[in-house]
């Protein structure tokens, strides 16, 4: 199944993990992906990709991380940040950091 989904490719694994992390949160996403990692050829790199992408994916949406909700709630006294407003910063930031992480993992010896 992991081969069929091309999870051995860091970019695919990172993308799937980022989406899954925003659907079910990062810890359940890692637990769901764990059985797939065991069947991939470069396990160390795959674990690093999983850790990197599940962590950075929290920046994608307002609901991606409890820290995001805490900050927005605290900021509510002075500024209102909507879900869509957050996406305007979260999407580009997440794409940029995931891309940098993927490149770093490909360049890793």
C-alpha atoms as a PDB file:
ATOM      1  CA  UNK A   1       0.000   0.000   0.000  1.00  0.00           C
ATOM      2  CA  UNK A   2       2.829   2.438   0.885  1.00  0.00           C
ATOM      3  CA  UNK A   3       4.458   1.742  -2.486  1.00  0.00           C
ATOM      4  CA  UNK A   4       1.162   2.258  -4.319  1.00  0.00           C
ATOM      5  CA  UNK A   5       0.738   5.666  -2.645  1.00  0.00           C
ATOM      6  CA  UNK A   6       4.401   6.509  -3.403  1.00  0.00           C
ATOM      7  CA  UNK A   7       5.023   7.339   0.259  1.00  0.00           C
ATOM      8  CA  UNK A   8       8.726   6.601  -0.222  1.00  0.00           C
ATOM      9  CA  UNK A   9       8.919  10.004  -1.919  1.00  0.00           C
ATOM     10  CA  UNK A  10       9.527  12.612   0.774  1.00  0.00           C
ATOM     11  CA  UNK A  11       7.331  15.140  -1.002  1.00  0.00           C
ATOM     12  CA  UNK A  12       4.361  12.748  -1.154  1.00  0.00           C
ATOM     13  CA  UNK A  13       4.809  11.567   2.435  1.00  0.00           C
ATOM     14  CA  UNK A  14       5.047  15.183   3.607  1.00  0.00           C
ATOM     15  CA  UNK A  15       1.967  16.245   1.670  1.00  0.00           C
ATOM     16  CA  UNK A  16      -0.139  13.332   2.902  1.00  0.00           C
ATOM     17  CA  UNK A  17       1.021  13.932   6.463  1.00  0.00           C
ATOM     18  CA  UNK A  18       0.283  17.675   6.290  1.00  0.00           C
ATOM     19  CA  UNK A  19      -3.264  17.065   5.067  1.00  0.00           C
ATOM     20  CA  UNK A  20      -3.854  14.272   7.562  1.00  0.00           C
ATOM     21  CA  UNK A  21      -2.437  16.385  10.403  1.00  0.00           C
ATOM     22  CA  UNK A  22      -4.996  19.073   9.679  1.00  0.00           C
ATOM     23  CA  UNK A  23      -7.838  16.564   9.510  1.00  0.00           C
ATOM     24  CA  UNK A  24      -7.131  14.577  12.682  1.00  0.00           C
ATOM     25  CA  UNK A  25      -4.317  16.563  14.393  1.00  0.00           C
ATOM     26  CA  UNK A  26      -0.617  15.782  14.293  1.00  0.00           C
ATOM     27  CA  UNK A  27      -0.310  13.068  16.957  1.00  0.00           C
ATOM     28  CA  UNK A  28      -3.103  10.869  15.538  1.00  0.00           C
ATOM     29  CA  UNK A  29      -1.692  11.488  12.039  1.00  0.00           C
ATOM     30  CA  UNK A  30       1.710  10.163  13.112  1.00  0.00           C
ATOM     31  CA  UNK A  31       0.083   7.133  14.724  1.00  0.00           C
ATOM     32  CA  UNK A  32      -1.891   6.456  11.546  1.00  0.00           C
ATOM     33  CA  UNK A  33       1.228   6.758   9.374  1.00  0.00           C
ATOM     34  CA  UNK A  34       3.457   4.606  11.607  1.00  0.00           C
ATOM     35  CA  UNK A  35       2.565   1.256   9.968  1.00  0.00           C
ATOM     36  CA  UNK A  36       3.347   2.662   6.512  1.00  0.00           C
ATOM     37  CA  UNK A  37       6.792   3.956   7.544  1.00  0.00           C
ATOM     38  CA  UNK A  38       7.849   0.446   8.554  1.00  0.00           C
ATOM     39  CA  UNK A  39       7.567  -0.658   4.910  1.00  0.00           C
ATOM     40  CA  UNK A  40       9.463   2.221   3.318  1.00  0.00           C
ATOM     41  CA  UNK A  41      13.047   1.782   2.059  1.00  0.00           C
ATOM     42  CA  UNK A  42      14.634   4.825   3.739  1.00  0.00           C
ATOM     43  CA  UNK A  43      13.080   4.670   7.190  1.00  0.00           C
ATOM     44  CA  UNK A  44      15.245   7.291   8.889  1.00  0.00           C
ATOM     45  CA  UNK A  45      14.489   9.870   6.199  1.00  0.00           C
ATOM     46  CA  UNK A  46      10.818   8.870   6.248  1.00  0.00           C
ATOM     47  CA  UNK A  47      10.582   9.324  10.016  1.00  0.00           C
ATOM     48  CA  UNK A  48      12.243  12.724   9.701  1.00  0.00           C
ATOM     49  CA  UNK A  49       9.799  13.700   6.941  1.00  0.00           C
ATOM     50  CA  UNK A  50       6.878  12.556   9.061  1.00  0.00           C
ATOM     51  CA  UNK A  51       8.094  14.503  12.097  1.00  0.00           C
ATOM     52  CA  UNK A  52       8.840  17.624  10.053  1.00  0.00           C
ATOM     53  CA  UNK A  53       5.596  17.684   8.107  1.00  0.00           C
ATOM     54  CA  UNK A  54       3.290  16.817  11.015  1.00  0.00           C
ATOM     55  CA  UNK A  55       4.839  19.643  13.038  1.00  0.00           C
ATOM     56  CA  UNK A  56       4.886  22.298  10.319  1.00  0.00           C
ATOM     57  CA  UNK A  57       1.378  21.373   9.150  1.00  0.00           C
ATOM     58  CA  UNK A  58       0.040  22.940  12.330  1.00  0.00           C
ATOM     59  CA  UNK A  59       0.630  26.349  10.765  1.00  0.00           C
ATOM     60  CA  UNK A  60      -1.715  25.686   7.829  1.00  0.00           C
ATOM     61  CA  UNK A  61      -5.045  26.517   9.466  1.00  0.00           C
ATOM     62  CA  UNK A  62      -6.274  28.177  12.613  1.00  0.00           C
ATOM     63  CA  UNK A  63      -7.380  24.769  13.862  1.00  0.00           C
ATOM     64  CA  UNK A  64      -4.074  23.121  12.932  1.00  0.00           C
ATOM     65  CA  UNK A  65      -2.587  23.699  16.363  1.00  0.00           C
ATOM     66  CA  UNK A  66      -3.939  24.476  19.810  1.00  0.00           C
ATOM     67  CA  UNK A  67      -1.249  27.164  20.036  1.00  0.00           C
ATOM     68  CA  UNK A  68      -2.863  28.962  17.083  1.00  0.00           C
ATOM     69  CA  UNK A  69      -6.202  29.013  18.889  1.00  0.00           C
ATOM     70  CA  UNK A  70      -4.647  30.273  22.110  1.00  0.00           C
ATOM     71  CA  UNK A  71      -2.852  33.139  20.370  1.00  0.00           C
ATOM     72  CA  UNK A  72      -5.895  34.183  18.341  1.00  0.00           C
ATOM     73  CA  UNK A  73      -8.088  34.046  21.441  1.00  0.00           C
ATOM     74  CA  UNK A  74      -5.612  36.193  23.377  1.00  0.00           C
ATOM     75  CA  UNK A  75      -5.331  38.648  20.481  1.00  0.00           C
ATOM     76  CA  UNK A  76      -9.115  38.957  20.250  1.00  0.00           C
ATOM     77  CA  UNK A  77      -9.034  41.891  22.699  1.00  0.00           C
ATOM     78  CA  UNK A  78      -7.210  44.038  20.158  1.00  0.00           C
ATOM     79  CA  UNK A  79      -7.761  42.389  16.772  1.00  0.00           C
ATOM     80  CA  UNK A  80     -10.119  39.847  15.218  1.00  0.00           C
ATOM     81  CA  UNK A  81      -8.523  37.124  13.106  1.00  0.00           C
ATOM     82  CA  UNK A  82     -10.964  35.042  11.094  1.00  0.00           C
ATOM     83  CA  UNK A  83     -10.338  31.550   9.761  1.00  0.00           C
ATOM     84  CA  UNK A  84      -9.941  32.925   6.225  1.00  0.00           C
ATOM     85  CA  UNK A  85      -7.687  35.738   7.421  1.00  0.00           C
ATOM     86  CA  UNK A  86      -5.463  33.180   9.141  1.00  0.00           C
ATOM     87  CA  UNK A  87      -5.323  31.093   5.941  1.00  0.00           C
ATOM     88  CA  UNK A  88      -3.828  34.076   4.095  1.00  0.00           C
ATOM     89  CA  UNK A  89      -0.714  33.731   6.243  1.00  0.00           C
ATOM     90  CA  UNK A  90      -0.922  30.046   7.152  1.00  0.00           C
ATOM     91  CA  UNK A  91      -1.078  28.576   3.657  1.00  0.00           C
ATOM     92  CA  UNK A  92       1.961  30.382   2.189  1.00  0.00           C
ATOM     93  CA  UNK A  93       3.957  29.890   5.402  1.00  0.00           C
ATOM     94  CA  UNK A  94       3.199  26.165   5.485  1.00  0.00           C
ATOM     95  CA  UNK A  95       3.976  25.684   1.801  1.00  0.00           C
ATOM     96  CA  UNK A  96       7.262  27.577   2.186  1.00  0.00           C
ATOM     97  CA  UNK A  97       8.413  25.724   5.311  1.00  0.00           C
ATOM     98  CA  UNK A  98       7.348  22.294   4.036  1.00  0.00           C
ATOM     99  CA  UNK A  99       9.160  22.942   0.758  1.00  0.00           C
ATOM    100  CA  UNK A 100      12.308  23.987   2.637  1.00  0.00           C
ATOM    101  CA  UNK A 101      12.057  20.880   4.828  1.00  0.00           C
ATOM    102  CA  UNK A 102      11.565  18.579   1.846  1.00  0.00           C
ATOM    103  CA  UNK A 103      14.571  20.100   0.073  1.00  0.00           C
ATOM    104  CA  UNK A 104      16.686  19.754   3.225  1.00  0.00           C
ATOM    105  CA  UNK A 105      15.737  16.083   3.509  1.00  0.00           C
ATOM    106  CA  UNK A 106      16.582  15.416  -0.146  1.00  0.00           C
ATOM    107  CA  UNK A 107      19.970  17.101   0.329  1.00  0.00           C
ATOM    108  CA  UNK A 108      20.673  15.171   3.532  1.00  0.00           C
ATOM    109  CA  UNK A 109      23.442  12.619   3.029  1.00  0.00           C
END
